[in-house]
Amino acid sequence: MDAGTTFKYYYGDITNTTIIGRPNKKFLEIYDLVEEANRRAFEASKAGAIPEEVDQAARSFLESKGYG
C-alpha cells in the first residue's frame, strides 16, 4: 500500500508491504535488498545532503545487485 499527503510545502509518503501467506524466496531476496537500500539512503540523509546523492546511495546499491 502506498499513501501520500501534502501540507503547505511538505510532501509526505509512506509505503507498507504486507504478506498474506508464505512469501517465496525471490520476494524475500528483493525485500531484503530494498531494506538495505533504504538504510543506505537514510545514512546518506544528513544535514546539507544533496537529494541526488541520497538517491544514488540507494540506487547504486540496487544496481550492483542487478536491479537498476
N, C-alpha and C. Protein backbone atom coordinates (compact mmCIF):
# COMPACT_ATOMS: atom_id res chain seq x y z
N MET A 1 0.84 -1.15 0.00
CA MET A 1 0.00 0.00 0.00
C MET A 1 0.90 1.23 0.00
N ASP A 2 0.56 2.21 -0.78
CA ASP A 2 1.32 3.44 -0.86
C ASP A 2 0.37 4.60 -0.62
N ALA A 3 0.77 5.52 0.24
CA ALA A 3 -0.08 6.68 0.54
C ALA A 3 0.79 7.91 0.65
N GLY A 4 0.21 9.04 0.36
CA GLY A 4 0.95 10.29 0.45
C GLY A 4 0.02 11.43 0.84
N THR A 5 0.63 12.51 1.26
CA THR A 5 -0.13 13.68 1.66
C THR A 5 0.72 14.93 1.43
N THR A 6 0.07 16.07 1.39
CA THR A 6 0.79 17.34 1.32
C THR A 6 0.21 18.28 2.36
N PHE A 7 1.08 19.11 2.91
CA PHE A 7 0.67 20.15 3.85
C PHE A 7 1.60 21.32 3.64
N LYS A 8 1.02 22.42 3.18
CA LYS A 8 1.82 23.60 2.81
C LYS A 8 2.88 23.14 1.82
N TYR A 9 4.16 23.19 2.16
CA TYR A 9 5.20 22.75 1.22
C TYR A 9 5.85 21.44 1.64
N TYR A 10 5.18 20.70 2.51
CA TYR A 10 5.69 19.39 2.94
C TYR A 10 4.97 18.30 2.18
N TYR A 11 5.74 17.37 1.63
CA TYR A 11 5.17 16.22 0.93
C TYR A 11 5.55 14.97 1.70
N GLY A 12 4.54 14.26 2.18
CA GLY A 12 4.78 13.04 2.93
C GLY A 12 4.42 11.83 2.10
N ASP A 13 5.10 10.73 2.36
CA ASP A 13 4.84 9.50 1.61
C ASP A 13 5.18 8.32 2.51
N ILE A 14 4.38 7.28 2.43
CA ILE A 14 4.65 6.07 3.19
C ILE A 14 4.21 4.87 2.36
N THR A 15 4.98 3.81 2.46
CA THR A 15 4.64 2.55 1.79
C THR A 15 4.67 1.45 2.83
N ASN A 16 3.69 0.58 2.78
CA ASN A 16 3.62 -0.55 3.70
C ASN A 16 3.47 -1.82 2.88
N THR A 17 4.33 -2.80 3.14
CA THR A 17 4.26 -4.08 2.45
C THR A 17 3.82 -5.14 3.44
N THR A 18 2.77 -5.85 3.10
CA THR A 18 2.23 -6.90 3.95
C THR A 18 2.13 -8.18 3.15
N ILE A 19 2.50 -9.28 3.76
CA ILE A 19 2.45 -10.58 3.12
C ILE A 19 1.23 -11.35 3.64
N ILE A 20 0.51 -11.94 2.73
CA ILE A 20 -0.56 -12.85 3.09
C ILE A 20 -0.10 -14.23 2.63
N GLY A 21 0.06 -15.13 3.56
CA GLY A 21 0.59 -16.45 3.22
C GLY A 21 2.10 -16.46 3.40
N ARG A 22 2.75 -17.39 2.75
CA ARG A 22 4.20 -17.56 2.88
C ARG A 22 4.89 -16.93 1.67
N PRO A 23 5.81 -15.98 1.91
CA PRO A 23 6.49 -15.34 0.78
C PRO A 23 7.49 -16.31 0.13
N ASN A 24 7.66 -16.16 -1.19
CA ASN A 24 8.63 -17.02 -1.86
C ASN A 24 10.04 -16.45 -1.71
N LYS A 25 11.02 -17.23 -2.07
CA LYS A 25 12.42 -16.88 -1.88
C LYS A 25 12.80 -15.60 -2.63
N LYS A 26 12.31 -15.44 -3.86
CA LYS A 26 12.62 -14.27 -4.67
C LYS A 26 12.08 -13.00 -4.01
N PHE A 27 10.85 -13.06 -3.49
CA PHE A 27 10.28 -11.91 -2.80
C PHE A 27 11.15 -11.51 -1.61
N LEU A 28 11.55 -12.48 -0.81
CA LEU A 28 12.37 -12.19 0.37
C LEU A 28 13.72 -11.59 -0.02
N GLU A 29 14.31 -12.08 -1.10
CA GLU A 29 15.57 -11.54 -1.59
C GLU A 29 15.42 -10.06 -1.94
N ILE A 30 14.40 -9.75 -2.73
CA ILE A 30 14.18 -8.37 -3.16
C ILE A 30 13.81 -7.48 -1.98
N TYR A 31 12.99 -7.98 -1.09
CA TYR A 31 12.60 -7.21 0.09
C TYR A 31 13.83 -6.83 0.91
N ASP A 32 14.72 -7.78 1.13
CA ASP A 32 15.94 -7.51 1.89
C ASP A 32 16.84 -6.50 1.18
N LEU A 33 16.92 -6.58 -0.15
CA LEU A 33 17.73 -5.62 -0.90
C LEU A 33 17.16 -4.21 -0.78
N VAL A 34 15.85 -4.09 -0.89
CA VAL A 34 15.21 -2.78 -0.76
C VAL A 34 15.39 -2.22 0.65
N GLU A 35 15.30 -3.09 1.64
CA GLU A 35 15.51 -2.64 3.02
C GLU A 35 16.95 -2.11 3.20
N GLU A 36 17.92 -2.80 2.62
CA GLU A 36 19.31 -2.35 2.71
C GLU A 36 19.50 -1.04 1.95
N ALA A 37 18.89 -0.92 0.78
CA ALA A 37 18.98 0.33 0.02
C ALA A 37 18.38 1.48 0.81
N ASN A 38 17.27 1.23 1.48
CA ASN A 38 16.64 2.25 2.31
C ASN A 38 17.58 2.67 3.45
N ARG A 39 18.24 1.71 4.07
CA ARG A 39 19.18 2.01 5.14
C ARG A 39 20.32 2.88 4.64
N ARG A 40 20.83 2.57 3.46
CA ARG A 40 21.92 3.35 2.88
C ARG A 40 21.49 4.78 2.56
N ALA A 41 20.28 4.93 2.07
CA ALA A 41 19.76 6.27 1.80
C ALA A 41 19.58 7.04 3.10
N PHE A 42 19.08 6.39 4.13
CA PHE A 42 18.90 7.03 5.42
C PHE A 42 20.24 7.52 5.97
N GLU A 43 21.27 6.68 5.86
CA GLU A 43 22.60 7.06 6.34
C GLU A 43 23.17 8.24 5.56
N ALA A 44 22.81 8.36 4.28
CA ALA A 44 23.28 9.47 3.45
C ALA A 44 22.48 10.74 3.69
N SER A 45 21.37 10.64 4.39
CA SER A 45 20.47 11.78 4.64
C SER A 45 20.93 12.57 5.85
N LYS A 46 21.94 13.36 5.66
CA LYS A 46 22.46 14.21 6.72
C LYS A 46 22.18 15.67 6.37
N ALA A 47 22.26 16.54 7.35
CA ALA A 47 22.05 17.96 7.11
C ALA A 47 22.97 18.43 5.97
N GLY A 48 22.38 19.10 5.00
CA GLY A 48 23.14 19.61 3.87
C GLY A 48 23.31 18.62 2.74
N ALA A 49 22.81 17.41 2.89
CA ALA A 49 22.95 16.39 1.83
C ALA A 49 22.19 16.83 0.59
N ILE A 50 22.75 16.55 -0.54
CA ILE A 50 22.10 16.82 -1.82
C ILE A 50 21.19 15.64 -2.13
N PRO A 51 19.91 15.90 -2.44
CA PRO A 51 18.96 14.80 -2.66
C PRO A 51 19.44 13.75 -3.67
N GLU A 52 20.10 14.19 -4.73
CA GLU A 52 20.60 13.23 -5.73
C GLU A 52 21.61 12.27 -5.12
N GLU A 53 22.40 12.74 -4.16
CA GLU A 53 23.38 11.88 -3.52
C GLU A 53 22.71 10.85 -2.61
N VAL A 54 21.63 11.26 -1.96
CA VAL A 54 20.87 10.32 -1.13
C VAL A 54 20.26 9.24 -2.02
N ASP A 55 19.67 9.67 -3.13
CA ASP A 55 19.09 8.72 -4.08
C ASP A 55 20.15 7.77 -4.60
N GLN A 56 21.31 8.31 -4.94
CA GLN A 56 22.38 7.49 -5.50
C GLN A 56 22.89 6.46 -4.51
N ALA A 57 22.87 6.79 -3.22
CA ALA A 57 23.31 5.83 -2.20
C ALA A 57 22.48 4.55 -2.26
N ALA A 58 21.18 4.71 -2.46
CA ALA A 58 20.30 3.55 -2.56
C ALA A 58 20.36 2.93 -3.96
N ARG A 59 20.26 3.79 -4.96
CA ARG A 59 20.17 3.31 -6.34
C ARG A 59 21.41 2.52 -6.77
N SER A 60 22.60 3.01 -6.41
CA SER A 60 23.82 2.31 -6.83
C SER A 60 23.92 0.93 -6.17
N PHE A 61 23.44 0.82 -4.94
CA PHE A 61 23.43 -0.49 -4.28
C PHE A 61 22.51 -1.45 -5.04
N LEU A 62 21.29 -1.01 -5.36
CA LEU A 62 20.35 -1.87 -6.10
C LEU A 62 20.89 -2.24 -7.47
N GLU A 63 21.53 -1.27 -8.15
CA GLU A 63 22.12 -1.57 -9.46
C GLU A 63 23.22 -2.61 -9.35
N SER A 64 24.01 -2.54 -8.26
CA SER A 64 25.09 -3.51 -8.09
C SER A 64 24.56 -4.93 -7.87
N LYS A 65 23.30 -5.03 -7.50
CA LYS A 65 22.66 -6.33 -7.28
C LYS A 65 21.81 -6.76 -8.47
N GLY A 66 21.87 -5.97 -9.57
CA GLY A 66 21.16 -6.32 -10.78
C GLY A 66 19.75 -5.78 -10.88
N TYR A 67 19.40 -4.81 -10.04
CA TYR A 67 18.06 -4.23 -10.05
C TYR A 67 18.12 -2.73 -10.30
N GLY A 68 18.62 -2.37 -11.50
CA GLY A 68 18.74 -0.95 -11.84
C GLY A 68 17.44 -0.37 -12.32
